[in-house]
């Protein structure tokens, strides 16, 4: 059983984050809210997201899994406008997710959740951590996108650096410890990551004004962020691109 009412803005935020990696997703419903685990087809990136029931206007759920086509949710969102409350109800007998937007009701066939990958989440604990403001991180990404298809993140005891280098040009963004909400790194650590994934992940995070990056030497990147105004938590994991000698 699953019945809920949710603000259009919260559902849109959820869809934007998930669609960064996959076109279909398994929603794990519990009495406490909704959980999502997703991995992209190339197994380079992963998303783990938990949305607390307090993020909903109304929520009632029992343990169940619902497979959803993300494009269909986008179609529903296009029917809505800011401030709208969407009414969601899972009809288990007909295997349909029923969504009401104003005077319109969409009866949506679901995807068999058994056919959707249920990834095992690795225990990733890189040694360096920095909390970076979103506007600064996005500026660094914009500077890198015209230079290269990868980006190197470096954490030192006193600074965070984003570096991209092409055949002729390079871009560096350095943020000192004094301009970072949090920086913890006992030594210099760095890893290179595919810029397209990193950029898409950061751009999909819309309700948080900062993210926390966990970095190690040639280590998966962990990006932690808030969703639904802090009523949910998300984290992306991104595999490193190993530098060739």
C-alpha atoms as a PDB file:
ATOM      1  CA  UNK A   1       0.000   0.000   0.000  1.00  0.00           C
ATOM      2  CA  UNK A   2       1.191   3.471  -0.853  1.00  0.00           C
ATOM      3  CA  UNK A   3      -0.687   6.763  -0.761  1.00  0.00           C
ATOM      4  CA  UNK A   4       0.917  10.193  -0.635  1.00  0.00           C
ATOM      5  CA  UNK A   5       0.587  13.853  -1.479  1.00  0.00           C
ATOM      6  CA  UNK A   6       3.706  15.717  -2.535  1.00  0.00           C
ATOM      7  CA  UNK A   7       4.576  19.208  -3.712  1.00  0.00           C
ATOM      8  CA  UNK A   8       5.401  19.483  -7.399  1.00  0.00           C
ATOM      9  CA  UNK A   9       8.785  21.031  -6.560  1.00  0.00           C
ATOM     10  CA  UNK A  10       9.844  18.102  -4.359  1.00  0.00           C
ATOM     11  CA  UNK A  11       8.867  15.484  -6.935  1.00  0.00           C
ATOM     12  CA  UNK A  12      10.636  17.445  -9.674  1.00  0.00           C
ATOM     13  CA  UNK A  13      13.795  17.584  -7.575  1.00  0.00           C
ATOM     14  CA  UNK A  14      13.645  13.824  -7.023  1.00  0.00           C
ATOM     15  CA  UNK A  15      13.150  13.173 -10.749  1.00  0.00           C
ATOM     16  CA  UNK A  16      16.016  15.461 -11.766  1.00  0.00           C
ATOM     17  CA  UNK A  17      18.484  13.702  -9.484  1.00  0.00           C
ATOM     18  CA  UNK A  18      17.424  10.185 -10.513  1.00  0.00           C
ATOM     19  CA  UNK A  19      17.313  10.929 -14.261  1.00  0.00           C
ATOM     20  CA  UNK A  20      20.989  11.877 -14.116  1.00  0.00           C
ATOM     21  CA  UNK A  21      21.801   8.146 -14.076  1.00  0.00           C
ATOM     22  CA  UNK A  22      18.816   6.012 -15.121  1.00  0.00           C
ATOM     23  CA  UNK A  23      15.556   6.034 -17.082  1.00  0.00           C
ATOM     24  CA  UNK A  24      13.835   3.491 -14.819  1.00  0.00           C
ATOM     25  CA  UNK A  25      14.047   3.273 -11.055  1.00  0.00           C
ATOM     26  CA  UNK A  26      12.852   1.091  -8.205  1.00  0.00           C
ATOM     27  CA  UNK A  27      11.138   2.985  -5.393  1.00  0.00           C
ATOM     28  CA  UNK A  28      11.423   1.162  -2.085  1.00  0.00           C
ATOM     29  CA  UNK A  29       8.445   2.185   0.028  1.00  0.00           C
ATOM     30  CA  UNK A  30       8.399   1.867   3.820  1.00  0.00           C
ATOM     31  CA  UNK A  31       6.382   3.384   6.630  1.00  0.00           C
ATOM     32  CA  UNK A  32       9.132   5.995   7.029  1.00  0.00           C
ATOM     33  CA  UNK A  33       9.397   7.211   3.428  1.00  0.00           C
ATOM     34  CA  UNK A  34      10.941   6.285   0.071  1.00  0.00           C
ATOM     35  CA  UNK A  35      14.403   4.917  -0.730  1.00  0.00           C
ATOM     36  CA  UNK A  36      16.194   4.778  -4.070  1.00  0.00           C
ATOM     37  CA  UNK A  37      19.329   2.944  -5.189  1.00  0.00           C
ATOM     38  CA  UNK A  38      20.385   3.275  -8.809  1.00  0.00           C
ATOM     39  CA  UNK A  39      23.473   2.618 -10.922  1.00  0.00           C
ATOM     40  CA  UNK A  40      24.064   3.913 -14.453  1.00  0.00           C
ATOM     41  CA  UNK A  41      24.294   1.374 -17.325  1.00  0.00           C
ATOM     42  CA  UNK A  42      28.087   1.698 -17.534  1.00  0.00           C
ATOM     43  CA  UNK A  43      28.443   1.115 -13.760  1.00  0.00           C
ATOM     44  CA  UNK A  44      30.530   4.264 -13.396  1.00  0.00           C
ATOM     45  CA  UNK A  45      28.142   6.100 -11.065  1.00  0.00           C
ATOM     46  CA  UNK A  46      25.623   5.305  -8.350  1.00  0.00           C
ATOM     47  CA  UNK A  47      22.884   7.169  -6.488  1.00  0.00           C
ATOM     48  CA  UNK A  48      21.569   6.403  -3.004  1.00  0.00           C
ATOM     49  CA  UNK A  49      18.673   8.565  -1.865  1.00  0.00           C
ATOM     50  CA  UNK A  50      16.303   8.537   1.096  1.00  0.00           C
ATOM     51  CA  UNK A  51      13.260  10.791   1.248  1.00  0.00           C
ATOM     52  CA  UNK A  52      11.681  11.026   4.694  1.00  0.00           C
ATOM     53  CA  UNK A  53       7.908  10.929   4.977  1.00  0.00           C
ATOM     54  CA  UNK A  54       8.085  14.468   6.386  1.00  0.00           C
ATOM     55  CA  UNK A  55       8.970  15.619   2.840  1.00  0.00           C
ATOM     56  CA  UNK A  56       5.380  14.765   1.838  1.00  0.00           C
ATOM     57  CA  UNK A  57       2.198  16.696   2.595  1.00  0.00           C
ATOM     58  CA  UNK A  58       0.599  13.345   3.442  1.00  0.00           C
ATOM     59  CA  UNK A  59       2.178   9.891   3.482  1.00  0.00           C
ATOM     60  CA  UNK A  60       1.054   6.334   4.192  1.00  0.00           C
ATOM     61  CA  UNK A  61       3.188   3.414   3.109  1.00  0.00           C
ATOM     62  CA  UNK A  62       3.812  -0.231   3.807  1.00  0.00           C
ATOM     63  CA  UNK A  63       6.894  -2.161   2.603  1.00  0.00           C
ATOM     64  CA  UNK A  64       6.607  -2.547  -1.165  1.00  0.00           C
ATOM     65  CA  UNK A  65       8.620  -1.891  -4.329  1.00  0.00           C
ATOM     66  CA  UNK A  66       7.400   0.067  -7.343  1.00  0.00           C
ATOM     67  CA  UNK A  67       9.247   0.259 -10.662  1.00  0.00           C
ATOM     68  CA  UNK A  68       8.776   3.637 -12.356  1.00  0.00           C
ATOM     69  CA  UNK A  69       9.562   4.991 -15.828  1.00  0.00           C
ATOM     70  CA  UNK A  70      11.195   8.374 -15.175  1.00  0.00           C
ATOM     71  CA  UNK A  71      10.031   9.838 -18.506  1.00  0.00           C
ATOM     72  CA  UNK A  72       6.419   9.169 -17.487  1.00  0.00           C
ATOM     73  CA  UNK A  73       6.978  11.088 -14.256  1.00  0.00           C
ATOM     74  CA  UNK A  74       8.385  13.966 -16.300  1.00  0.00           C
ATOM     75  CA  UNK A  75       5.209  13.924 -18.398  1.00  0.00           C
ATOM     76  CA  UNK A  76       3.128  14.245 -15.233  1.00  0.00           C
ATOM     77  CA  UNK A  77       5.322  17.082 -13.980  1.00  0.00           C
ATOM     78  CA  UNK A  78       4.745  18.945 -17.256  1.00  0.00           C
ATOM     79  CA  UNK A  79       1.036  18.983 -16.364  1.00  0.00           C
ATOM     80  CA  UNK A  80       1.743  20.712 -13.074  1.00  0.00           C
ATOM     81  CA  UNK A  81       2.781  24.201 -12.064  1.00  0.00           C
ATOM     82  CA  UNK A  82       4.744  25.513  -9.069  1.00  0.00           C
ATOM     83  CA  UNK A  83       2.781  25.133  -5.857  1.00  0.00           C
ATOM     84  CA  UNK A  84       0.681  22.218  -7.091  1.00  0.00           C
ATOM     85  CA  UNK A  85       0.145  19.238  -4.793  1.00  0.00           C
ATOM     86  CA  UNK A  86       0.260  15.887  -6.588  1.00  0.00           C
ATOM     87  CA  UNK A  87      -1.789  12.981  -5.254  1.00  0.00           C
ATOM     88  CA  UNK A  88      -0.082   9.573  -5.643  1.00  0.00           C
ATOM     89  CA  UNK A  89      -1.635   6.180  -5.038  1.00  0.00           C
ATOM     90  CA  UNK A  90      -0.373   2.699  -5.921  1.00  0.00           C
ATOM     91  CA  UNK A  91      -3.029   0.302  -7.148  1.00  0.00           C
ATOM     92  CA  UNK A  92      -1.395  -3.070  -6.502  1.00  0.00           C
ATOM     93  CA  UNK A  93      -4.282  -5.027  -8.010  1.00  0.00           C
ATOM     94  CA  UNK A  94      -3.900  -3.393 -11.407  1.00  0.00           C
ATOM     95  CA  UNK A  95      -0.162  -2.686 -11.034  1.00  0.00           C
ATOM     96  CA  UNK A  96      -0.689   0.986 -11.703  1.00  0.00           C
ATOM     97  CA  UNK A  97       0.504   4.192 -10.109  1.00  0.00           C
ATOM     98  CA  UNK A  98      -2.352   6.698 -10.127  1.00  0.00           C
ATOM     99  CA  UNK A  99      -1.312  10.368 -10.025  1.00  0.00           C
ATOM    100  CA  UNK A 100      -3.760  13.275  -9.804  1.00  0.00           C
ATOM    101  CA  UNK A 101      -2.703  16.765 -10.869  1.00  0.00           C
ATOM    102  CA  UNK A 102      -5.541  19.242 -10.468  1.00  0.00           C
ATOM    103  CA  UNK A 103      -8.426  17.904 -12.552  1.00  0.00           C
ATOM    104  CA  UNK A 104      -6.234  15.450 -14.499  1.00  0.00           C
ATOM    105  CA  UNK A 105      -5.674  11.837 -13.393  1.00  0.00           C
ATOM    106  CA  UNK A 106      -2.866   9.771 -14.934  1.00  0.00           C
ATOM    107  CA  UNK A 107      -3.079   5.980 -14.599  1.00  0.00           C
ATOM    108  CA  UNK A 108       0.520   4.913 -15.078  1.00  0.00           C
ATOM    109  CA  UNK A 109       1.606   1.341 -15.749  1.00  0.00           C
ATOM    110  CA  UNK A 110       4.586   0.419 -13.606  1.00  0.00           C
ATOM    111  CA  UNK A 111       7.803  -1.363 -14.487  1.00  0.00           C
ATOM    112  CA  UNK A 112       8.443  -4.816 -12.998  1.00  0.00           C
ATOM    113  CA  UNK A 113      10.791  -3.970 -10.092  1.00  0.00           C
ATOM    114  CA  UNK A 114      12.389  -7.436 -10.378  1.00  0.00           C
ATOM    115  CA  UNK A 115      13.835  -6.370 -13.721  1.00  0.00           C
ATOM    116  CA  UNK A 116      15.523  -3.248 -12.339  1.00  0.00           C
ATOM    117  CA  UNK A 117      19.075  -3.511 -11.038  1.00  0.00           C
ATOM    118  CA  UNK A 118      19.312  -3.421  -7.256  1.00  0.00           C
ATOM    119  CA  UNK A 119      22.952  -2.399  -6.735  1.00  0.00           C
ATOM    120  CA  UNK A 120      24.979  -3.276  -3.689  1.00  0.00           C
ATOM    121  CA  UNK A 121      26.195  -0.041  -2.148  1.00  0.00           C
ATOM    122  CA  UNK A 122      29.946  -0.141  -1.451  1.00  0.00           C
ATOM    123  CA  UNK A 123      31.352   1.162   1.806  1.00  0.00           C
ATOM    124  CA  UNK A 124      33.243   4.172   0.459  1.00  0.00           C
ATOM    125  CA  UNK A 125      35.133   6.288   3.003  1.00  0.00           C
ATOM    126  CA  UNK A 126      37.753   8.477   1.281  1.00  0.00           C
ATOM    127  CA  UNK A 127      40.194  10.164   3.688  1.00  0.00           C
ATOM    128  CA  UNK A 128      39.621  13.782   2.588  1.00  0.00           C
ATOM    129  CA  UNK A 129      36.380  15.744   2.974  1.00  0.00           C
ATOM    130  CA  UNK A 130      35.356  19.253   1.927  1.00  0.00           C
ATOM    131  CA  UNK A 131      32.049  21.076   1.937  1.00  0.00           C
ATOM    132  CA  UNK A 132      31.847  23.395  -1.065  1.00  0.00           C
ATOM    133  CA  UNK A 133      29.255  26.047  -1.920  1.00  0.00           C
ATOM    134  CA  UNK A 134      27.220  25.131  -4.982  1.00  0.00           C
ATOM    135  CA  UNK A 135      27.712  28.417  -6.845  1.00  0.00           C
ATOM    136  CA  UNK A 136      31.492  28.095  -6.591  1.00  0.00           C
ATOM    137  CA  UNK A 137      31.443  24.438  -7.623  1.00  0.00           C
ATOM    138  CA  UNK A 138      29.228  25.199 -10.641  1.00  0.00           C
ATOM    139  CA  UNK A 139      31.511  28.050 -11.677  1.00  0.00           C
ATOM    140  CA  UNK A 140      34.508  25.706 -11.637  1.00  0.00           C
ATOM    141  CA  UNK A 141      32.603  23.161 -13.714  1.00  0.00           C
ATOM    142  CA  UNK A 142      31.623  25.799 -16.311  1.00  0.00           C
ATOM    143  CA  UNK A 143      35.262  26.785 -16.606  1.00  0.00           C
ATOM    144  CA  UNK A 144      36.311  23.156 -17.117  1.00  0.00           C
ATOM    145  CA  UNK A 145      33.680  22.080 -19.646  1.00  0.00           C
ATOM    146  CA  UNK A 146      35.292  23.868 -22.596  1.00  0.00           C
ATOM    147  CA  UNK A 147      38.752  22.559 -21.733  1.00  0.00           C
ATOM    148  CA  UNK A 148      38.601  18.818 -21.123  1.00  0.00           C
ATOM    149  CA  UNK A 149      36.359  15.782 -20.617  1.00  0.00           C
ATOM    150  CA  UNK A 150      37.761  15.063 -17.176  1.00  0.00           C
ATOM    151  CA  UNK A 151      38.438  16.953 -13.955  1.00  0.00           C
ATOM    152  CA  UNK A 152      40.920  16.401 -11.128  1.00  0.00           C
ATOM    153  CA  UNK A 153      39.852  17.162  -7.569  1.00  0.00           C
ATOM    154  CA  UNK A 154      42.570  17.733  -4.976  1.00  0.00           C
ATOM    155  CA  UNK A 155      42.203  18.115  -1.232  1.00  0.00           C
ATOM    156  CA  UNK A 156      45.074  19.471   0.852  1.00  0.00           C
ATOM    157  CA  UNK A 157      45.143  20.476   4.509  1.00  0.00           C
ATOM    158  CA  UNK A 158      44.644  24.128   3.505  1.00  0.00           C
ATOM    159  CA  UNK A 159      42.760  24.090   0.180  1.00  0.00           C
ATOM    160  CA  UNK A 160      40.421  22.423  -2.321  1.00  0.00           C
ATOM    161  CA  UNK A 161      41.398  22.534  -5.999  1.00  0.00           C
ATOM    162  CA  UNK A 162      39.562  21.659  -9.207  1.00  0.00           C
ATOM    163  CA  UNK A 163      41.816  21.234 -12.243  1.00  0.00           C
ATOM    164  CA  UNK A 164      41.170  20.528 -15.932  1.00  0.00           C
ATOM    165  CA  UNK A 165      43.731  20.468 -18.706  1.00  0.00           C
ATOM    166  CA  UNK A 166      43.394  20.129 -22.483  1.00  0.00           C
ATOM    167  CA  UNK A 167      45.947  20.112 -25.278  1.00  0.00           C
ATOM    168  CA  UNK A 168      46.589  23.863 -25.088  1.00  0.00           C
ATOM    169  CA  UNK A 169      44.622  25.308 -22.161  1.00  0.00           C
ATOM    170  CA  UNK A 170      44.040  24.595 -18.497  1.00  0.00           C
ATOM    171  CA  UNK A 171      41.669  25.776 -15.793  1.00  0.00           C
ATOM    172  CA  UNK A 172      42.256  25.775 -12.045  1.00  0.00           C
ATOM    173  CA  UNK A 173      39.876  26.749  -9.271  1.00  0.00           C
ATOM    174  CA  UNK A 174      41.382  26.977  -5.799  1.00  0.00           C
ATOM    175  CA  UNK A 175      39.362  27.524  -2.631  1.00  0.00           C
ATOM    176  CA  UNK A 176      41.281  28.147   0.552  1.00  0.00           C
ATOM    177  CA  UNK A 177      40.260  26.662   3.870  1.00  0.00           C
ATOM    178  CA  UNK A 178      38.925  30.029   5.011  1.00  0.00           C
ATOM    179  CA  UNK A 179      36.258  30.017   2.250  1.00  0.00           C
ATOM    180  CA  UNK A 180      35.108  26.427   2.811  1.00  0.00           C
ATOM    181  CA  UNK A 181      32.431  25.501   5.389  1.00  0.00           C
ATOM    182  CA  UNK A 182      34.397  22.300   6.067  1.00  0.00           C
ATOM    183  CA  UNK A 183      37.821  20.981   5.063  1.00  0.00           C
ATOM    184  CA  UNK A 184      39.481  17.946   6.598  1.00  0.00           C
ATOM    185  CA  UNK A 185      42.503  16.337   4.943  1.00  0.00           C
ATOM    186  CA  UNK A 186      45.647  15.298   6.777  1.00  0.00           C
ATOM    187  CA  UNK A 187      47.614  15.111   3.526  1.00  0.00           C
ATOM    188  CA  UNK A 188      47.231  15.941  -0.156  1.00  0.00           C
ATOM    189  CA  UNK A 189      44.868  13.523  -1.952  1.00  0.00           C
ATOM    190  CA  UNK A 190      43.555  13.678  -5.517  1.00  0.00           C
ATOM    191  CA  UNK A 191      41.605  11.751  -8.125  1.00  0.00           C
ATOM    192  CA  UNK A 192      40.517  12.337 -11.720  1.00  0.00           C
ATOM    193  CA  UNK A 193      36.852  11.925 -12.677  1.00  0.00           C
ATOM    194  CA  UNK A 194      34.797  12.009 -15.911  1.00  0.00           C
ATOM    195  CA  UNK A 195      33.535  15.565 -16.194  1.00  0.00           C
ATOM    196  CA  UNK A 196      30.234  14.716 -17.890  1.00  0.00           C
ATOM    197  CA  UNK A 197      29.083  12.622 -14.923  1.00  0.00           C
ATOM    198  CA  UNK A 198      30.419  15.059 -12.334  1.00  0.00           C
ATOM    199  CA  UNK A 199      28.792  18.022 -14.062  1.00  0.00           C
ATOM    200  CA  UNK A 200      25.411  16.278 -14.459  1.00  0.00           C
ATOM    201  CA  UNK A 201      25.399  15.223 -10.817  1.00  0.00           C
ATOM    202  CA  UNK A 202      26.138  18.706  -9.504  1.00  0.00           C
ATOM    203  CA  UNK A 203      23.635  20.384 -11.847  1.00  0.00           C
ATOM    204  CA  UNK A 204      20.859  17.997 -10.739  1.00  0.00           C
ATOM    205  CA  UNK A 205      21.170  19.123  -7.104  1.00  0.00           C
ATOM    206  CA  UNK A 206      18.794  22.069  -6.880  1.00  0.00           C
ATOM    207  CA  UNK A 207      17.615  22.615  -3.300  1.00  0.00           C
ATOM    208  CA  UNK A 208      20.946  22.511  -1.491  1.00  0.00           C
ATOM    209  CA  UNK A 209      23.315  25.485  -1.433  1.00  0.00           C
ATOM    210  CA  UNK A 210      26.325  23.288  -0.674  1.00  0.00           C
ATOM    211  CA  UNK A 211      27.588  19.734  -1.094  1.00  0.00           C
ATOM    212  CA  UNK A 212      30.144  17.647   0.760  1.00  0.00           C
ATOM    213  CA  UNK A 213      32.828  15.958  -1.343  1.00  0.00           C
ATOM    214  CA  UNK A 214      34.835  12.972  -0.093  1.00  0.00           C
ATOM    215  CA  UNK A 215      38.087  12.457  -2.027  1.00  0.00           C
ATOM    216  CA  UNK A 216      40.985   9.989  -1.895  1.00  0.00           C
ATOM    217  CA  UNK A 217      43.901   8.984  -4.119  1.00  0.00           C
ATOM    218  CA  UNK A 218      42.430   7.261  -7.218  1.00  0.00           C
ATOM    219  CA  UNK A 219      39.376   6.610  -5.082  1.00  0.00           C
ATOM    220  CA  UNK A 220      35.648   6.816  -5.798  1.00  0.00           C
ATOM    221  CA  UNK A 221      34.201  10.265  -5.205  1.00  0.00           C
ATOM    222  CA  UNK A 222      31.318  10.566  -2.743  1.00  0.00           C
ATOM    223  CA  UNK A 223      29.019  13.583  -3.083  1.00  0.00           C
ATOM    224  CA  UNK A 224      26.623  14.109  -0.185  1.00  0.00           C
ATOM    225  CA  UNK A 225      23.709  16.544  -0.445  1.00  0.00           C
ATOM    226  CA  UNK A 226      20.301  17.456   0.964  1.00  0.00           C
ATOM    227  CA  UNK A 227      17.008  17.090  -0.872  1.00  0.00           C
ATOM    228  CA  UNK A 228      13.546  18.460  -0.080  1.00  0.00           C
ATOM    229  CA  UNK A 229      14.951  21.222   2.087  1.00  0.00           C
ATOM    230  CA  UNK A 230      16.810  18.811   4.340  1.00  0.00           C
ATOM    231  CA  UNK A 231      13.932  16.325   4.652  1.00  0.00           C
ATOM    232  CA  UNK A 232      15.904  13.855   2.561  1.00  0.00           C
ATOM    233  CA  UNK A 233      19.512  12.869   1.999  1.00  0.00           C
ATOM    234  CA  UNK A 234      21.285  11.809  -1.164  1.00  0.00           C
ATOM    235  CA  UNK A 235      24.727  10.700  -2.174  1.00  0.00           C
ATOM    236  CA  UNK A 236      26.338  10.083  -5.530  1.00  0.00           C
ATOM    237  CA  UNK A 237      29.310   7.765  -5.970  1.00  0.00           C
ATOM    238  CA  UNK A 238      31.564   8.229  -9.002  1.00  0.00           C
ATOM    239  CA  UNK A 239      34.382   5.903 -10.057  1.00  0.00           C
ATOM    240  CA  UNK A 240      37.770   7.545 -10.657  1.00  0.00           C
ATOM    241  CA  UNK A 241      39.439   7.774 -14.029  1.00  0.00           C
ATOM    242  CA  UNK A 242      42.886   6.264 -13.491  1.00  0.00           C
ATOM    243  CA  UNK A 243      45.643   8.445 -14.903  1.00  0.00           C
ATOM    244  CA  UNK A 244      47.942   6.752 -17.379  1.00  0.00           C
ATOM    245  CA  UNK A 245      51.684   6.938 -16.896  1.00  0.00           C
END
